[in-house]
Amino acid sequence: MGSPTNILLQTTVTGVVGREKFSYDVWGDTVNTASRLESSGVAGRINISRATYELVKDFFDCEFRSKVAAKNKGEIDMYFVNGIRCGFSVDGSVVSPNEMFVRSYARLPAGPTGNAKLT
């Protein structure tokens, strides 16, 4: 089985720290949530948060997995992605998007950051 795959679509704060030796870092709630996704992942499965589920649920077949404890957040809902919805996949394969998927996805508005679409 492969490694777990985790997807989280949220904003972050990034920056360069240091005066003599520079380091690039990422901070914020998204980083903490991503850490919980990673530590609770299951090999061979795609694990997503509720926020990501809300963005992709019309295109992908997902199943509620469980609640996962997240530092300073309490429990968060987690979902597994089982594949592309039949109406959006080539020959019901659940892994290859069809033309309807591509057209529908292209009509989605950008998210609050202006680039929330998956690329």
N, C-alpha and C. Protein backbone atom coordinates (compact mmCIF):
# COMPACT_ATOMS: atom_id res chain seq x y z
N MET A 1 0.84 -1.18 0.00
CA MET A 1 0.00 0.00 0.00
C MET A 1 0.88 1.24 0.00
N GLY A 2 0.42 2.30 -0.56
CA GLY A 2 1.19 3.53 -0.60
C GLY A 2 1.05 4.35 0.66
N SER A 3 1.66 5.50 0.63
CA SER A 3 1.55 6.44 1.74
C SER A 3 0.19 7.11 1.71
N PRO A 4 -0.27 7.62 2.85
CA PRO A 4 -1.54 8.36 2.85
C PRO A 4 -1.42 9.62 2.01
N THR A 5 -2.50 10.02 1.38
CA THR A 5 -2.55 11.28 0.66
C THR A 5 -3.54 12.17 1.38
N ASN A 6 -3.10 13.37 1.72
CA ASN A 6 -3.93 14.32 2.45
C ASN A 6 -4.02 15.60 1.65
N ILE A 7 -5.23 16.15 1.56
CA ILE A 7 -5.44 17.38 0.81
C ILE A 7 -6.12 18.39 1.73
N LEU A 8 -5.56 19.59 1.79
CA LEU A 8 -6.14 20.65 2.60
C LEU A 8 -6.08 21.93 1.78
N LEU A 9 -7.22 22.55 1.56
CA LEU A 9 -7.28 23.77 0.76
C LEU A 9 -7.70 24.93 1.65
N GLN A 10 -6.73 25.60 2.24
CA GLN A 10 -6.98 26.75 3.09
C GLN A 10 -5.82 27.73 2.94
N THR A 11 -6.00 28.93 3.50
CA THR A 11 -4.95 29.94 3.39
C THR A 11 -3.89 29.75 4.47
N THR A 12 -2.72 30.26 4.21
CA THR A 12 -1.61 30.20 5.16
C THR A 12 -0.92 31.55 5.22
N VAL A 13 -0.10 31.70 6.24
CA VAL A 13 0.77 32.86 6.35
C VAL A 13 2.18 32.35 6.16
N THR A 14 2.94 32.99 5.27
CA THR A 14 4.30 32.56 5.01
C THR A 14 5.24 33.74 5.14
N GLY A 15 6.49 33.43 5.35
CA GLY A 15 7.45 34.52 5.42
C GLY A 15 8.87 34.02 5.59
N VAL A 16 9.78 34.96 5.50
CA VAL A 16 11.19 34.69 5.69
C VAL A 16 11.57 35.18 7.08
N VAL A 17 12.25 34.33 7.83
CA VAL A 17 12.69 34.70 9.18
C VAL A 17 14.21 34.65 9.25
N GLY A 18 14.77 35.46 10.13
CA GLY A 18 16.21 35.46 10.34
C GLY A 18 16.85 36.73 9.82
N ARG A 19 17.99 37.08 10.43
CA ARG A 19 18.73 38.27 10.00
C ARG A 19 20.01 37.91 9.26
N GLU A 20 20.63 36.83 9.67
CA GLU A 20 21.88 36.43 9.02
C GLU A 20 21.71 35.14 8.23
N LYS A 21 20.97 34.23 8.78
CA LYS A 21 20.67 32.98 8.08
C LYS A 21 19.16 32.96 7.86
N PHE A 22 18.75 33.06 6.61
CA PHE A 22 17.33 33.18 6.30
C PHE A 22 16.68 31.80 6.20
N SER A 23 15.43 31.76 6.59
CA SER A 23 14.65 30.54 6.53
C SER A 23 13.23 30.91 6.12
N TYR A 24 12.65 30.11 5.25
CA TYR A 24 11.27 30.32 4.81
C TYR A 24 10.38 29.45 5.67
N ASP A 25 9.27 29.99 6.17
CA ASP A 25 8.42 29.22 7.07
C ASP A 25 6.95 29.48 6.76
N VAL A 26 6.10 28.59 7.25
CA VAL A 26 4.66 28.67 7.07
C VAL A 26 4.03 28.57 8.45
N TRP A 27 3.03 29.44 8.73
CA TRP A 27 2.38 29.45 10.03
C TRP A 27 0.87 29.40 9.87
N GLY A 28 0.21 29.16 10.98
CA GLY A 28 -1.24 29.33 11.03
C GLY A 28 -2.02 28.07 11.28
N ASP A 29 -3.32 28.27 11.38
CA ASP A 29 -4.26 27.20 11.65
C ASP A 29 -4.19 26.11 10.60
N THR A 30 -3.96 26.48 9.36
CA THR A 30 -3.88 25.51 8.27
C THR A 30 -2.74 24.52 8.51
N VAL A 31 -1.62 25.03 9.01
CA VAL A 31 -0.47 24.17 9.27
C VAL A 31 -0.82 23.14 10.35
N ASN A 32 -1.50 23.57 11.40
CA ASN A 32 -1.90 22.65 12.46
C ASN A 32 -2.88 21.61 11.95
N THR A 33 -3.84 22.04 11.14
CA THR A 33 -4.82 21.10 10.59
C THR A 33 -4.13 20.10 9.66
N ALA A 34 -3.21 20.59 8.83
CA ALA A 34 -2.48 19.70 7.92
C ALA A 34 -1.68 18.66 8.70
N SER A 35 -1.12 19.06 9.82
CA SER A 35 -0.37 18.13 10.66
C SER A 35 -1.28 17.02 11.18
N ARG A 36 -2.50 17.37 11.57
CA ARG A 36 -3.45 16.36 12.05
C ARG A 36 -3.87 15.43 10.91
N LEU A 37 -4.05 15.99 9.72
CA LEU A 37 -4.36 15.16 8.56
C LEU A 37 -3.25 14.14 8.33
N GLU A 38 -2.02 14.62 8.36
CA GLU A 38 -0.88 13.76 8.11
C GLU A 38 -0.76 12.65 9.16
N SER A 39 -0.90 13.01 10.42
CA SER A 39 -0.72 12.02 11.48
C SER A 39 -1.87 11.02 11.57
N SER A 40 -3.02 11.35 11.00
CA SER A 40 -4.15 10.43 11.06
C SER A 40 -4.47 9.79 9.72
N GLY A 41 -3.59 9.97 8.74
CA GLY A 41 -3.83 9.42 7.41
C GLY A 41 -3.80 7.90 7.38
N VAL A 42 -4.40 7.33 6.36
CA VAL A 42 -4.43 5.88 6.17
C VAL A 42 -3.77 5.58 4.82
N ALA A 43 -2.83 4.64 4.82
CA ALA A 43 -2.11 4.29 3.60
C ALA A 43 -3.07 3.90 2.49
N GLY A 44 -2.83 4.45 1.31
CA GLY A 44 -3.64 4.12 0.14
C GLY A 44 -4.97 4.87 0.04
N ARG A 45 -5.25 5.76 0.98
CA ARG A 45 -6.50 6.52 0.97
C ARG A 45 -6.22 8.01 0.89
N ILE A 46 -7.15 8.75 0.29
CA ILE A 46 -7.06 10.21 0.25
C ILE A 46 -7.93 10.74 1.38
N ASN A 47 -7.33 11.48 2.28
CA ASN A 47 -7.96 11.98 3.49
C ASN A 47 -8.13 13.49 3.36
N ILE A 48 -9.35 14.02 3.56
CA ILE A 48 -9.57 15.46 3.44
C ILE A 48 -10.35 15.98 4.65
N SER A 49 -10.21 17.27 4.90
CA SER A 49 -10.96 17.92 5.98
C SER A 49 -12.37 18.27 5.49
N ARG A 50 -13.23 18.65 6.42
CA ARG A 50 -14.60 19.05 6.05
C ARG A 50 -14.58 20.26 5.12
N ALA A 51 -13.68 21.21 5.38
CA ALA A 51 -13.61 22.40 4.52
C ALA A 51 -13.30 22.01 3.08
N THR A 52 -12.38 21.08 2.89
CA THR A 52 -12.05 20.62 1.54
C THR A 52 -13.20 19.81 0.97
N TYR A 53 -13.83 18.98 1.79
CA TYR A 53 -14.98 18.20 1.36
C TYR A 53 -16.07 19.11 0.77
N GLU A 54 -16.34 20.22 1.45
CA GLU A 54 -17.37 21.14 0.98
C GLU A 54 -17.03 21.69 -0.41
N LEU A 55 -15.75 21.82 -0.73
CA LEU A 55 -15.32 22.32 -2.03
C LEU A 55 -15.41 21.28 -3.14
N VAL A 56 -15.22 20.00 -2.81
CA VAL A 56 -15.11 18.96 -3.83
C VAL A 56 -16.27 17.98 -3.89
N LYS A 57 -17.21 18.07 -2.96
CA LYS A 57 -18.27 17.05 -2.83
C LYS A 57 -19.13 16.87 -4.08
N ASP A 58 -19.27 17.88 -4.91
CA ASP A 58 -20.08 17.74 -6.12
C ASP A 58 -19.35 16.97 -7.22
N PHE A 59 -18.04 16.89 -7.13
CA PHE A 59 -17.23 16.23 -8.15
C PHE A 59 -16.72 14.85 -7.74
N PHE A 60 -16.58 14.64 -6.43
CA PHE A 60 -15.98 13.40 -5.94
C PHE A 60 -16.89 12.68 -4.96
N ASP A 61 -16.85 11.35 -5.03
CA ASP A 61 -17.58 10.51 -4.08
C ASP A 61 -16.73 10.43 -2.81
N CYS A 62 -17.27 10.91 -1.70
CA CYS A 62 -16.53 10.93 -0.43
C CYS A 62 -17.34 10.22 0.63
N GLU A 63 -16.64 9.71 1.63
CA GLU A 63 -17.32 9.08 2.77
C GLU A 63 -16.78 9.68 4.05
N PHE A 64 -17.69 9.90 5.00
CA PHE A 64 -17.28 10.41 6.29
C PHE A 64 -16.39 9.38 6.94
N ARG A 65 -15.25 9.81 7.42
CA ARG A 65 -14.30 8.89 8.03
C ARG A 65 -14.46 8.86 9.54
N SER A 66 -14.28 10.00 10.16
CA SER A 66 -14.41 10.11 11.62
C SER A 66 -14.09 11.55 12.01
N LYS A 67 -14.17 11.80 13.30
CA LYS A 67 -13.70 13.07 13.84
C LYS A 67 -12.28 12.84 14.34
N VAL A 68 -11.42 13.83 14.12
CA VAL A 68 -10.02 13.73 14.55
C VAL A 68 -9.73 14.90 15.48
N ALA A 69 -9.10 14.62 16.59
CA ALA A 69 -8.74 15.67 17.54
C ALA A 69 -7.66 16.56 16.93
N ALA A 70 -7.88 17.86 16.98
CA ALA A 70 -6.92 18.83 16.45
C ALA A 70 -6.61 19.88 17.51
N LYS A 71 -5.35 20.10 17.74
CA LYS A 71 -4.90 21.05 18.75
C LYS A 71 -5.57 22.41 18.57
N ASN A 72 -6.11 22.94 19.65
CA ASN A 72 -6.76 24.25 19.69
C ASN A 72 -8.02 24.35 18.83
N LYS A 73 -8.52 23.22 18.30
CA LYS A 73 -9.72 23.24 17.46
C LYS A 73 -10.79 22.28 17.93
N GLY A 74 -10.43 21.36 18.80
CA GLY A 74 -11.37 20.32 19.16
C GLY A 74 -11.34 19.22 18.12
N GLU A 75 -12.48 18.63 17.85
CA GLU A 75 -12.54 17.56 16.85
C GLU A 75 -12.98 18.12 15.51
N ILE A 76 -12.32 17.66 14.45
CA ILE A 76 -12.69 18.10 13.10
C ILE A 76 -13.14 16.88 12.29
N ASP A 77 -14.13 17.09 11.42
CA ASP A 77 -14.64 16.02 10.57
C ASP A 77 -13.64 15.72 9.47
N MET A 78 -13.41 14.44 9.24
CA MET A 78 -12.50 14.00 8.18
C MET A 78 -13.25 13.09 7.22
N TYR A 79 -12.86 13.13 5.96
CA TYR A 79 -13.50 12.34 4.92
C TYR A 79 -12.45 11.62 4.09
N PHE A 80 -12.84 10.48 3.51
CA PHE A 80 -12.03 9.79 2.52
C PHE A 80 -12.62 10.12 1.15
N VAL A 81 -11.76 10.30 0.15
CA VAL A 81 -12.20 10.47 -1.23
C VAL A 81 -12.10 9.10 -1.90
N ASN A 82 -13.23 8.61 -2.42
CA ASN A 82 -13.26 7.30 -3.06
C ASN A 82 -13.04 7.36 -4.57
N GLY A 83 -13.24 8.53 -5.16
CA GLY A 83 -13.03 8.67 -6.59
C GLY A 83 -13.94 9.74 -7.17
N ILE A 84 -13.79 9.96 -8.45
CA ILE A 84 -14.61 10.93 -9.16
C ILE A 84 -16.03 10.36 -9.27
N ARG A 85 -17.03 11.21 -9.10
CA ARG A 85 -18.43 10.77 -9.25
C ARG A 85 -18.63 10.20 -10.64
N CYS A 86 -19.46 9.18 -10.72
CA CYS A 86 -19.67 8.46 -11.99
C CYS A 86 -20.02 9.39 -13.14
N GLY A 87 -20.88 10.38 -12.92
CA GLY A 87 -21.27 11.29 -13.98
C GLY A 87 -20.15 12.17 -14.49
N PHE A 88 -19.07 12.23 -13.74
CA PHE A 88 -17.92 13.07 -14.10
C PHE A 88 -16.68 12.26 -14.49
N SER A 89 -16.81 10.94 -14.59
CA SER A 89 -15.64 10.12 -14.91
C SER A 89 -15.82 9.41 -16.24
N VAL A 90 -14.70 9.10 -16.86
CA VAL A 90 -14.70 8.39 -18.13
C VAL A 90 -15.15 6.96 -17.88
N ASP A 91 -16.22 6.55 -18.52
CA ASP A 91 -16.73 5.18 -18.43
C ASP A 91 -16.92 4.69 -17.00
N GLY A 92 -17.26 5.60 -16.07
CA GLY A 92 -17.47 5.20 -14.69
C GLY A 92 -16.22 4.71 -13.97
N SER A 93 -15.05 5.08 -14.48
CA SER A 93 -13.79 4.58 -13.93
C SER A 93 -13.45 5.13 -12.54
N VAL A 94 -14.04 6.21 -12.14
CA VAL A 94 -13.83 6.96 -10.90
C VAL A 94 -12.42 7.52 -10.73
N VAL A 95 -11.55 7.33 -11.73
CA VAL A 95 -10.20 7.90 -11.63
C VAL A 95 -9.86 8.88 -12.75
N SER A 96 -10.57 8.81 -13.86
CA SER A 96 -10.28 9.69 -15.00
C SER A 96 -11.44 10.64 -15.24
N PRO A 97 -11.20 11.97 -15.16
CA PRO A 97 -12.28 12.92 -15.38
C PRO A 97 -12.70 12.97 -16.84
N ASN A 98 -14.01 13.15 -17.07
CA ASN A 98 -14.51 13.27 -18.43
C ASN A 98 -14.65 14.75 -18.81
N GLU A 99 -15.16 15.00 -20.00
CA GLU A 99 -15.32 16.36 -20.50
C GLU A 99 -16.29 17.17 -19.63
N MET A 100 -17.35 16.53 -19.13
CA MET A 100 -18.31 17.23 -18.28
C MET A 100 -17.62 17.73 -16.99
N PHE A 101 -16.74 16.92 -16.43
CA PHE A 101 -15.97 17.33 -15.26
C PHE A 101 -15.16 18.59 -15.59
N VAL A 102 -14.44 18.54 -16.70
CA VAL A 102 -13.58 19.66 -17.11
C VAL A 102 -14.40 20.93 -17.32
N ARG A 103 -15.54 20.82 -18.03
CA ARG A 103 -16.39 21.99 -18.28
C ARG A 103 -16.98 22.54 -16.99
N SER A 104 -17.49 21.66 -16.13
CA SER A 104 -18.10 22.09 -14.86
C SER A 104 -17.06 22.74 -13.96
N TYR A 105 -15.90 22.16 -13.90
CA TYR A 105 -14.83 22.69 -13.07
C TYR A 105 -14.38 24.07 -13.55
N ALA A 106 -14.33 24.24 -14.86
CA ALA A 106 -13.91 25.52 -15.45
C ALA A 106 -14.88 26.64 -15.09
N ARG A 107 -16.14 26.31 -14.81
CA ARG A 107 -17.14 27.33 -14.48
C ARG A 107 -17.12 27.73 -13.01
N LEU A 108 -16.37 27.03 -12.18
CA LEU A 108 -16.32 27.37 -10.76
C LEU A 108 -15.65 28.72 -10.55
N PRO A 109 -16.17 29.52 -9.62
CA PRO A 109 -15.50 30.79 -9.31
C PRO A 109 -14.25 30.51 -8.50
N ALA A 110 -13.30 31.44 -8.58
CA ALA A 110 -12.10 31.33 -7.73
C ALA A 110 -12.52 31.54 -6.29
N GLY A 111 -11.79 30.96 -5.39
CA GLY A 111 -12.08 31.09 -3.96
C GLY A 111 -11.63 32.43 -3.41
N PRO A 112 -11.68 32.57 -2.07
CA PRO A 112 -11.34 33.84 -1.44
C PRO A 112 -9.91 34.30 -1.69
N THR A 113 -9.02 33.36 -1.99
CA THR A 113 -7.64 33.75 -2.26
C THR A 113 -7.44 34.02 -3.75
N GLY A 114 -8.49 33.81 -4.54
CA GLY A 114 -8.38 34.06 -5.97
C GLY A 114 -7.86 32.88 -6.75
N ASN A 115 -7.45 31.80 -6.08
CA ASN A 115 -6.90 30.65 -6.79
C ASN A 115 -7.23 29.33 -6.08
N ALA A 116 -8.45 29.21 -5.58
CA ALA A 116 -8.80 28.04 -4.79
C ALA A 116 -9.04 26.79 -5.64
N LYS A 117 -9.08 26.92 -6.96
CA LYS A 117 -9.28 25.76 -7.80
C LYS A 117 -8.07 24.85 -7.73
N LEU A 118 -8.32 23.55 -7.83
CA LEU A 118 -7.23 22.59 -7.90
C LEU A 118 -6.58 22.71 -9.26
N THR A 119 -5.27 22.69 -9.30
CA THR A 119 -4.57 22.75 -10.60
C THR A 119 -3.58 21.64 -10.72
